[in-house]
Protein backbone atom coordinates (compact mmCIF):
# COMPACT_ATOMS: atom_id res chain seq x y z
CA UNK A 1 11.64 1.20 -7.48
CA UNK A 2 10.16 4.28 -5.60
CA UNK A 3 12.20 6.61 -3.48
CA UNK A 4 9.69 9.06 -1.77
CA UNK A 5 9.83 13.04 -2.42
CA UNK A 6 8.70 15.55 0.13
CA UNK A 7 5.24 16.42 -1.86
CA UNK A 8 3.62 12.90 -1.89
CA UNK A 9 0.67 13.61 -4.24
CA UNK A 10 -1.73 11.20 -2.21
CA UNK A 11 -0.96 12.85 0.77
CA UNK A 12 -2.18 16.35 2.72
CA UNK A 13 0.75 19.10 1.57
CA UNK A 14 2.64 20.40 4.10
CA UNK A 15 3.02 23.73 2.94
CA UNK A 16 -0.79 23.79 3.37
CA UNK A 17 0.07 25.38 6.55
CA UNK A 18 -0.33 21.70 8.17
CA UNK A 19 2.18 21.82 11.35
CA UNK A 20 3.02 18.04 11.48
CA UNK A 21 3.30 15.33 8.92
CA UNK A 22 0.90 12.87 8.72
CA UNK A 23 0.12 10.26 10.98
CA UNK A 24 0.28 6.67 10.77
CA UNK A 25 -2.92 5.70 9.18
CA UNK A 26 -3.57 8.30 6.96
CA UNK A 27 -0.09 7.33 4.95
CA UNK A 28 -1.51 3.56 5.01
CA UNK A 29 -4.60 4.78 3.26
CA UNK A 30 -3.16 7.45 1.24
CA UNK A 31 0.33 7.60 0.30
CA UNK A 32 1.84 6.76 -3.15
CA UNK A 33 -2.02 7.39 -4.93
CA UNK A 34 -1.52 9.31 -8.38
CA UNK A 35 -4.89 9.60 -9.83
CA UNK A 36 -4.83 9.22 -13.36
CA UNK A 37 -7.11 11.61 -15.71
CA UNK A 38 -9.97 9.24 -15.07
CA UNK A 39 -10.51 10.39 -11.68
CA UNK A 40 -11.02 7.16 -9.93
CA UNK A 41 -11.10 7.04 -6.00
CA UNK A 42 -9.31 3.84 -5.48
CA UNK A 43 -5.95 2.80 -6.93
CA UNK A 44 -6.21 1.16 -10.56
CA UNK A 45 -4.27 -2.01 -11.37
CA UNK A 46 -1.83 -1.66 -14.36
CA UNK A 47 -2.04 -4.91 -16.37
CA UNK A 48 0.01 -4.24 -18.68
CA UNK A 49 3.85 -5.72 -19.59
CA UNK A 50 4.91 -2.26 -21.31
CA UNK A 51 4.31 1.24 -22.18
CA UNK A 52 4.26 3.14 -24.76
CA UNK A 53 6.55 6.47 -25.82
CA UNK A 54 5.54 9.50 -27.67
CA UNK A 55 9.00 9.62 -29.61
CA UNK A 56 11.93 7.51 -29.93
CA UNK A 57 13.43 10.35 -28.44
CA UNK A 58 11.54 9.78 -25.33
CA UNK A 59 12.17 5.94 -25.29
CA UNK A 60 15.80 6.44 -25.61
CA UNK A 61 15.64 8.79 -22.70
CA UNK A 62 13.92 6.59 -20.31
CA UNK A 63 16.09 3.51 -21.03
CA UNK A 64 18.96 5.81 -20.60
CA UNK A 65 17.62 7.12 -16.95
CA UNK A 66 17.46 10.34 -18.62
CA UNK A 67 13.84 10.98 -18.21
CA UNK A 68 11.34 9.32 -15.25
CA UNK A 69 8.86 7.66 -16.50
CA UNK A 70 7.49 3.47 -16.98
CA UNK A 71 9.14 1.29 -19.63
CA UNK A 72 8.68 -2.09 -18.68
CA UNK A 73 6.36 -4.04 -15.70
CA UNK A 74 9.44 -6.05 -14.43
CA UNK A 75 10.74 -2.96 -13.32
CA UNK A 76 8.60 -0.24 -13.47
CA UNK A 77 4.77 -0.38 -12.85
CA UNK A 78 2.53 2.31 -11.68
CA UNK A 79 0.71 0.17 -9.57
CA UNK A 80 3.88 -1.59 -7.66
CA UNK A 81 5.13 1.80 -7.28
CA UNK A 82 2.01 2.98 -5.13
CA UNK A 83 2.93 0.13 -3.07
CA UNK A 84 6.52 1.11 -2.61
CA UNK A 85 5.77 4.33 -2.11
CA UNK A 86 2.97 3.55 0.40
CA UNK A 87 5.41 1.31 2.43
CA UNK A 88 8.23 3.40 2.63
CA UNK A 89 6.24 6.11 4.39
CA UNK A 90 5.16 3.66 6.52
CA UNK A 91 8.64 2.63 7.36
CA UNK A 92 10.02 6.09 7.26
CA UNK A 93 12.58 5.15 4.51
CA UNK A 94 14.00 7.06 1.36
CA UNK A 95 13.15 4.18 -1.07
CA UNK A 96 11.71 0.61 -1.34
CA UNK A 97 11.80 -2.12 -3.86
CA UNK A 98 8.72 -4.76 -4.08
CA UNK A 99 9.47 -8.43 -4.82
CA UNK A 100 7.87 -11.80 -5.99
CA UNK A 101 8.11 -13.07 -2.23
CA UNK A 102 9.52 -12.30 0.86
CA UNK A 103 12.65 -14.85 0.26
CA UNK A 104 13.12 -12.88 -3.12
CA UNK A 105 13.54 -9.41 -1.21
CA UNK A 106 16.25 -10.94 0.87
CA UNK A 107 17.86 -12.74 -2.21
CA UNK A 108 18.04 -9.46 -4.36
CA UNK A 109 19.63 -7.44 -1.30
CA UNK A 110 22.16 -10.36 -0.95
CA UNK A 111 23.02 -9.77 -4.55
CA UNK A 112 23.37 -6.00 -4.22
CA UNK A 113 25.33 -6.51 -1.27
CA UNK A 114 27.55 -9.38 -1.13
CA UNK A 115 30.32 -10.89 -3.32
CA UNK A 116 32.59 -13.77 -2.79
CA UNK A 117 34.92 -13.65 0.35
CA UNK A 118 32.20 -11.62 2.01
CA UNK A 119 30.81 -12.46 5.54
CA UNK A 120 27.31 -12.44 7.15
CA UNK A 121 26.33 -12.71 10.91
CA UNK A 122 22.64 -13.73 11.13
CA UNK A 123 20.77 -15.07 14.31
CA UNK A 124 20.01 -18.76 14.80
CA UNK A 125 16.20 -18.07 14.89
CA UNK A 126 16.12 -16.66 11.44
CA UNK A 127 13.41 -18.43 9.00
CA UNK A 128 14.15 -21.75 7.99
CA UNK A 129 14.24 -20.58 4.24
CA UNK A 130 16.29 -17.71 5.40
CA UNK A 131 18.85 -19.91 6.96
CA UNK A 132 19.18 -21.90 4.05
CA UNK A 133 19.60 -19.19 1.60
CA UNK A 134 22.39 -18.24 3.48
CA UNK A 135 23.90 -21.73 4.41
CA UNK A 136 23.11 -23.51 1.26
CA UNK A 137 23.01 -21.52 -1.68
CA UNK A 138 24.91 -18.41 -0.86
CA UNK A 139 27.76 -20.21 0.65
CA UNK A 140 28.07 -21.86 -2.84
CA UNK A 141 29.58 -18.66 -4.15
CA UNK A 142 31.95 -18.11 -1.53
CA UNK A 143 29.63 -15.91 1.04
CA UNK A 144 30.46 -17.06 4.59
CA UNK A 145 27.78 -17.56 7.51
CA UNK A 146 28.31 -17.16 11.19
CA UNK A 147 25.00 -17.77 13.17
CA UNK A 148 24.77 -16.33 16.82
CA UNK A 149 22.17 -16.18 19.67
CA UNK A 150 19.67 -13.36 18.71
CA UNK A 151 19.80 -11.34 22.13
CA UNK A 152 23.41 -11.81 22.86
CA UNK A 153 24.71 -8.48 21.85
CA UNK A 154 28.31 -9.96 22.86
CA UNK A 155 27.81 -12.88 20.38
CA UNK A 156 27.13 -10.19 17.60
CA UNK A 157 30.13 -8.36 18.03
CA UNK A 158 32.62 -11.08 18.74
CA UNK A 159 30.98 -12.90 15.50
CA UNK A 160 32.12 -10.06 13.12
CA UNK A 161 35.10 -10.23 10.95
CA UNK A 162 37.05 -8.17 8.65
CA UNK A 163 34.81 -9.10 5.40
CA UNK A 164 31.80 -8.76 7.40
CA UNK A 165 29.43 -6.59 5.30
CA UNK A 166 25.86 -7.54 6.99
CA UNK A 167 24.12 -8.20 10.29
CA UNK A 168 20.77 -9.96 9.77
CA UNK A 169 18.07 -10.73 12.00
CA UNK A 170 14.50 -11.14 12.71
CA UNK A 171 12.83 -9.70 15.89
CA UNK A 172 10.46 -11.02 17.06
CA UNK A 173 11.91 -14.35 15.80
CA UNK A 174 10.05 -17.43 14.46
CA UNK A 175 8.67 -19.11 16.06
CA UNK A 176 10.03 -18.56 19.55
CA UNK A 177 9.41 -14.89 19.51
CA UNK A 178 12.79 -13.70 20.87
CA UNK A 179 13.78 -9.91 20.53
CA UNK A 180 16.85 -8.05 19.77
CA UNK A 181 17.73 -4.32 21.24
CA UNK A 182 18.23 -3.03 17.73
CA UNK A 183 19.44 0.20 18.78
CA UNK A 184 22.11 -1.55 20.61
CA UNK A 185 22.81 -4.12 17.46
CA UNK A 186 22.96 -0.79 15.37
CA UNK A 187 25.25 0.14 17.03
CA UNK A 188 27.66 -2.77 16.84
CA UNK A 189 26.97 -2.69 13.22
CA UNK A 190 27.86 0.82 12.21
CA UNK A 191 30.95 0.86 14.87
CA UNK A 192 32.67 -2.09 12.40
CA UNK A 193 31.06 -0.42 9.34
CA UNK A 194 28.69 -3.24 8.66
CA UNK A 195 25.07 -2.73 7.54
CA UNK A 196 22.11 -4.07 10.46
CA UNK A 197 19.30 -6.10 8.18
CA UNK A 198 16.05 -6.34 10.36
CA UNK A 199 13.26 -8.78 8.82
CA UNK A 200 10.18 -6.69 10.64
CA UNK A 201 7.26 -9.04 8.99
CA UNK A 202 6.16 -10.08 12.44
CA UNK A 203 5.41 -6.55 13.43
CA UNK A 204 5.10 -4.52 10.35
CA UNK A 205 5.95 -0.83 10.73
CA UNK A 206 2.47 -0.46 12.86
CA UNK A 207 4.17 -2.02 15.70
CA UNK A 208 8.29 -1.69 15.16
CA UNK A 209 10.07 0.51 12.75
CA UNK A 210 13.67 -0.24 12.62
CA UNK A 211 15.11 2.12 10.52
CA UNK A 212 14.04 4.70 13.42
CA UNK A 213 16.08 2.77 15.70
CA UNK A 214 19.37 2.82 13.35
CA UNK A 215 19.03 -0.26 11.10
CA UNK A 216 20.03 0.32 7.62
CA UNK A 217 17.30 -1.80 5.92
CA UNK A 218 13.79 -3.75 6.38
CA UNK A 219 13.06 -6.31 4.55
CA UNK A 220 9.40 -7.97 4.74
CA UNK A 221 7.27 -10.50 3.55
CA UNK A 222 4.08 -8.81 2.12
CA UNK A 223 2.39 -12.18 2.22
CA UNK A 224 1.89 -12.16 6.11
CA UNK A 225 0.44 -9.15 8.06
CA UNK A 226 0.65 -6.36 5.22
CA UNK A 227 -1.76 -8.27 3.21
CA UNK A 228 -3.70 -9.56 6.49
CA UNK A 229 -5.87 -11.96 4.56
CA UNK A 230 -3.23 -14.84 3.05
CA UNK A 231 -4.59 -14.04 -0.68
CA UNK A 232 -0.84 -13.37 -2.48
CA UNK A 233 2.82 -13.44 -2.06
CA UNK A 234 5.37 -10.80 -2.37
CA UNK A 235 7.99 -8.67 -0.30
CA UNK A 236 9.71 -5.11 -0.29
CA UNK A 237 12.97 -4.23 0.64
CA UNK A 238 13.34 -0.38 2.36
CA UNK A 239 16.26 1.48 3.15
CA UNK A 240 18.32 4.47 1.57
CA UNK A 241 18.61 6.09 -1.65
CA UNK A 242 21.55 4.45 -2.79
CA UNK A 243 21.68 1.04 -1.59
CA UNK A 244 17.70 0.40 -2.27
CA UNK A 245 17.19 2.53 -4.74
CA UNK A 246 20.33 1.87 -6.44
CA UNK A 247 21.89 -1.17 -5.97
CA UNK A 248 18.89 -3.30 -5.16
CA UNK A 249 16.87 -1.86 -7.82
CA UNK A 250 19.31 -2.80 -10.26
CA UNK A 251 18.97 -6.28 -9.45
CA UNK A 252 15.34 -6.32 -9.90
CA UNK A 253 15.93 -4.94 -13.29
CA UNK A 254 18.44 -7.18 -14.25
CA UNK A 255 17.35 -10.41 -12.59
CA UNK A 256 13.54 -9.60 -12.61
CA UNK A 257 11.93 -11.29 -9.25
CA UNK A 258 9.14 -8.69 -9.51
CA UNK A 259 5.96 -8.10 -8.04
CA UNK A 260 2.92 -8.38 -9.93
CA UNK A 261 0.51 -5.39 -10.21
CA UNK A 262 -2.31 -7.26 -8.66
CA UNK A 263 -0.77 -8.56 -5.97
CA UNK A 264 0.21 -4.98 -5.55
CA UNK A 265 -2.73 -3.84 -5.62
CA UNK A 266 -4.11 -6.56 -2.74
CA UNK A 267 -0.94 -5.53 -0.65
CA UNK A 268 -2.41 -1.46 -1.17
CA UNK A 269 -5.78 -2.43 0.19
CA UNK A 270 -4.02 -4.61 2.98
CA UNK A 271 -2.16 -1.58 4.27
CA UNK A 272 -4.99 0.71 4.57
CA UNK A 273 -6.34 -1.27 7.47
CA UNK A 274 -2.77 -2.54 8.67
CA UNK A 275 -2.68 -0.19 12.05
CA UNK A 276 -6.52 -1.50 13.17
CA UNK A 277 -5.47 -5.06 12.27
CA UNK A 278 -2.32 -5.25 13.95
CA UNK A 279 -3.77 -4.02 17.07
CA UNK A 280 -6.73 -6.34 17.28
CA UNK A 281 -4.18 -9.07 16.27
CA UNK A 282 -2.18 -8.43 19.52
CA UNK A 283 -4.64 -7.86 22.00
CA UNK A 284 -6.40 -11.25 21.08
CA UNK A 285 -2.59 -13.07 21.26
CA UNK A 286 -2.12 -11.18 24.69
CA UNK A 287 -5.35 -12.65 25.94
CA UNK A 288 -4.24 -15.93 24.52
CA UNK A 289 -0.84 -15.96 25.72
CA UNK A 290 -2.16 -15.50 29.13
CA UNK A 291 -4.57 -18.07 29.28
CA UNK A 292 -2.26 -20.81 27.74
CA UNK A 293 0.35 -19.37 30.39
CA UNK A 294 -2.14 -21.39 33.03
CA UNK A 295 -3.24 -24.24 31.15
CA UNK A 296 -1.50 -26.97 33.31
CA UNK A 297 -1.05 -29.11 29.09
CA UNK A 298 1.80 -26.37 28.33
CA UNK A 299 5.01 -26.00 29.99
CA UNK A 300 5.90 -22.83 28.64
CA UNK A 301 4.41 -20.03 26.32
CA UNK A 302 6.38 -17.86 24.18
CA UNK A 303 5.06 -14.51 23.83
CA UNK A 304 6.87 -11.20 24.20
CA UNK A 305 3.67 -9.60 26.20
CA UNK A 306 4.07 -11.90 28.74
CA UNK A 307 6.06 -10.19 32.08
CA UNK A 308 8.46 -13.50 32.15
CA UNK A 309 9.59 -13.17 28.43
CA UNK A 310 13.41 -12.52 28.40
CA UNK A 311 12.80 -9.18 26.70
CA UNK A 312 9.51 -8.09 27.67
CA UNK A 313 11.68 -4.79 28.81
CA UNK A 314 11.89 -4.02 25.24
CA UNK A 315 7.93 -3.94 24.69
CA UNK A 316 7.04 -0.60 24.69
CA UNK A 317 10.31 1.49 23.96
CA UNK A 318 11.34 -0.80 20.79
CA UNK A 319 8.15 -2.94 19.67
CA UNK A 320 4.87 -1.37 20.62
CA UNK A 321 2.71 -4.52 21.69
CA UNK A 322 3.62 -7.92 21.99
CA UNK A 323 2.55 -8.83 18.57
CA UNK A 324 0.07 -11.46 17.31
CA UNK A 325 2.11 -14.77 17.31
CA UNK A 326 1.85 -16.58 20.23
CA UNK A 327 4.02 -20.19 20.56
CA UNK A 328 3.80 -22.54 23.33
CA UNK A 329 5.12 -25.88 24.31
CA UNK A 330 2.69 -29.11 25.16
CA UNK A 331 3.42 -31.78 27.58
CA UNK A 332 5.62 -34.48 26.01
CA UNK A 333 6.88 -34.30 22.47
CA UNK A 334 5.70 -34.25 18.49
CA UNK A 335 2.33 -37.20 19.17
CA UNK A 336 1.37 -34.92 21.84
CA UNK A 337 1.82 -31.64 19.96
CA UNK A 338 0.20 -33.19 16.63
CA UNK A 339 -2.56 -33.86 18.57
CA UNK A 340 -3.42 -30.64 19.54
CA UNK A 341 -3.56 -29.53 16.36
CA UNK A 342 -5.33 -32.23 14.78
CA UNK A 343 -8.45 -31.91 17.16
CA UNK A 344 -9.06 -28.34 16.07
CA UNK A 345 -12.18 -27.75 14.07
CA UNK A 346 -12.05 -24.22 13.35
CA UNK A 347 -8.23 -23.25 13.27
CA UNK A 348 -6.29 -23.08 10.47
CA UNK A 349 -3.36 -25.99 9.87
CA UNK A 350 -1.59 -24.20 7.78
CA UNK A 351 2.55 -22.55 8.31
CA UNK A 352 1.52 -19.14 6.55
CA UNK A 353 0.94 -16.58 9.08
CA UNK A 354 -0.42 -12.43 9.74
CA UNK A 355 -4.36 -13.96 8.22
CA UNK A 356 -7.09 -12.74 9.65
CA UNK A 357 -8.25 -16.41 9.99
CA UNK A 358 -6.00 -18.16 13.10
CA UNK A 359 -3.29 -20.29 11.87
CA UNK A 360 -1.56 -23.38 13.50
CA UNK A 361 1.69 -25.07 12.79
CA UNK A 362 4.48 -27.57 14.05
CA UNK A 363 7.77 -25.59 13.30
CA UNK A 364 9.74 -28.73 13.83
CA UNK A 365 8.16 -30.45 10.99
CA UNK A 366 6.91 -27.82 8.67
CA UNK A 367 8.79 -24.27 8.43
CA UNK A 368 11.78 -25.41 10.14
CA UNK A 369 12.04 -29.05 8.88
CA UNK A 370 14.80 -28.67 6.31
CA UNK A 371 17.08 -27.64 9.17
CA UNK A 372 19.21 -30.43 10.81
CA UNK A 373 18.12 -31.66 14.26
CA UNK A 374 20.91 -30.10 15.48
CA UNK A 375 20.56 -26.60 14.05
CA UNK A 376 17.32 -26.78 15.61
CA UNK A 377 18.13 -27.82 18.74
CA UNK A 378 20.67 -25.00 18.56
CA UNK A 379 17.22 -22.67 17.98
CA UNK A 380 15.42 -23.56 20.68
CA UNK A 381 12.91 -25.82 18.10
CA UNK A 382 11.17 -28.57 20.36
CA UNK A 383 9.21 -31.52 18.71
CA UNK A 384 7.00 -30.43 21.70
CA UNK A 385 6.59 -26.44 20.15
CA UNK A 386 3.39 -25.10 18.64
CA UNK A 387 3.44 -21.96 16.97
CA UNK A 388 -0.26 -20.03 16.86
CA UNK A 389 -0.74 -17.04 14.54
CA UNK A 390 -4.07 -15.30 16.18
CA UNK A 391 -6.30 -14.14 14.18
CA UNK A 392 -9.38 -12.03 14.20
CA UNK A 393 -12.02 -14.05 15.24
CA UNK A 394 -13.74 -14.16 18.95
CA UNK A 395 -10.96 -15.10 21.67
CA UNK A 396 -13.05 -17.26 23.37
CA UNK A 397 -13.97 -19.58 19.95
CA UNK A 398 -9.69 -20.06 19.54
CA UNK A 399 -9.12 -20.91 23.43
CA UNK A 400 -12.14 -23.69 22.82
CA UNK A 401 -10.65 -25.18 19.52
CA UNK A 402 -6.97 -25.18 21.44
CA UNK A 403 -8.53 -26.54 24.85
CA UNK A 404 -9.99 -29.77 22.69
CA UNK A 405 -6.37 -31.17 21.98
CA UNK A 406 -4.82 -29.72 25.18
CA UNK A 407 -7.36 -31.55 27.36
CA UNK A 408 -6.41 -34.71 25.76
CA UNK A 409 -2.46 -33.94 26.55
């Protein structure tokens, strides 16, 4: 676990006369790095399970929490700490706890905040595994869940009960790119003494910073855009010192859904180029969305950057651009959607997203395949829907690859 301090050793010292805090791009490259006596330029990977103490007294003090320092890599590792500090600095949070996956981040948060009898309100359009975690697993331990439409503020407030502890949403949603007004949701949550938790996987702090908009906690699947090249699996929880720095960290120390030092190092490298990549993804996605919107084989395009998107007004005030995900529906149903996928020659057929390589998937049979047909229908996920995570290739080549299957449709 890492909590940010006033003086980050990797950043310029504000006391030296700088009038403003370091910019986002500087934090993405520099935050969290502590050079060893070897004087390395790049961050080292600490591939060690445990750490050595100078004396029995020092060991006792660290285990008792009376002295800072590394103990065991399940919950203290310098490479993981560097990633945590950097992500906390980018999100504007006090503390960050890195985890083995995005789902491990959500689970750790739930274990830290919920008990039998508690209630959670989530949006209908959360990731399929997130929905399964709440409805299929946490329910076994007495945690009840109510699902509401993401963009319906009145429905969120109406669903809150006396034992409601969390309001949980993804914005934009997967795969329909619906958006919630985070300032409005935060006001609702706090009016009822609840916490607002936002999965910021689709935007990353380069495009959206929920904590600045009133959210209490941000969760990430670092596997996606934070890495940016589809190399590793990881997650993170970002928030304040008491909840994240103590409660979530306590779950990490005890249960151990830990991020490996190697994966943390990969994510550190990914963060260095995050802002540049997200800008490029968004530019390409906007071009692709406009092209799909005009295609006769496409019946609907879901992309926040299009003027007819229901929450287009939030692009700018809340989300800095339309993002890198475009979903669209073809004429027909599953057969026609699968034909578009199977006709591609360059685009990668995989459910992962946030990669430099463009990916395509059929949500109804992959990411949301474990949901019932009724649940998918409520979430608006049809058999004709395809999700494209726009990569960094030439937009013309992405269009040409999709055009082959769309022509047949």
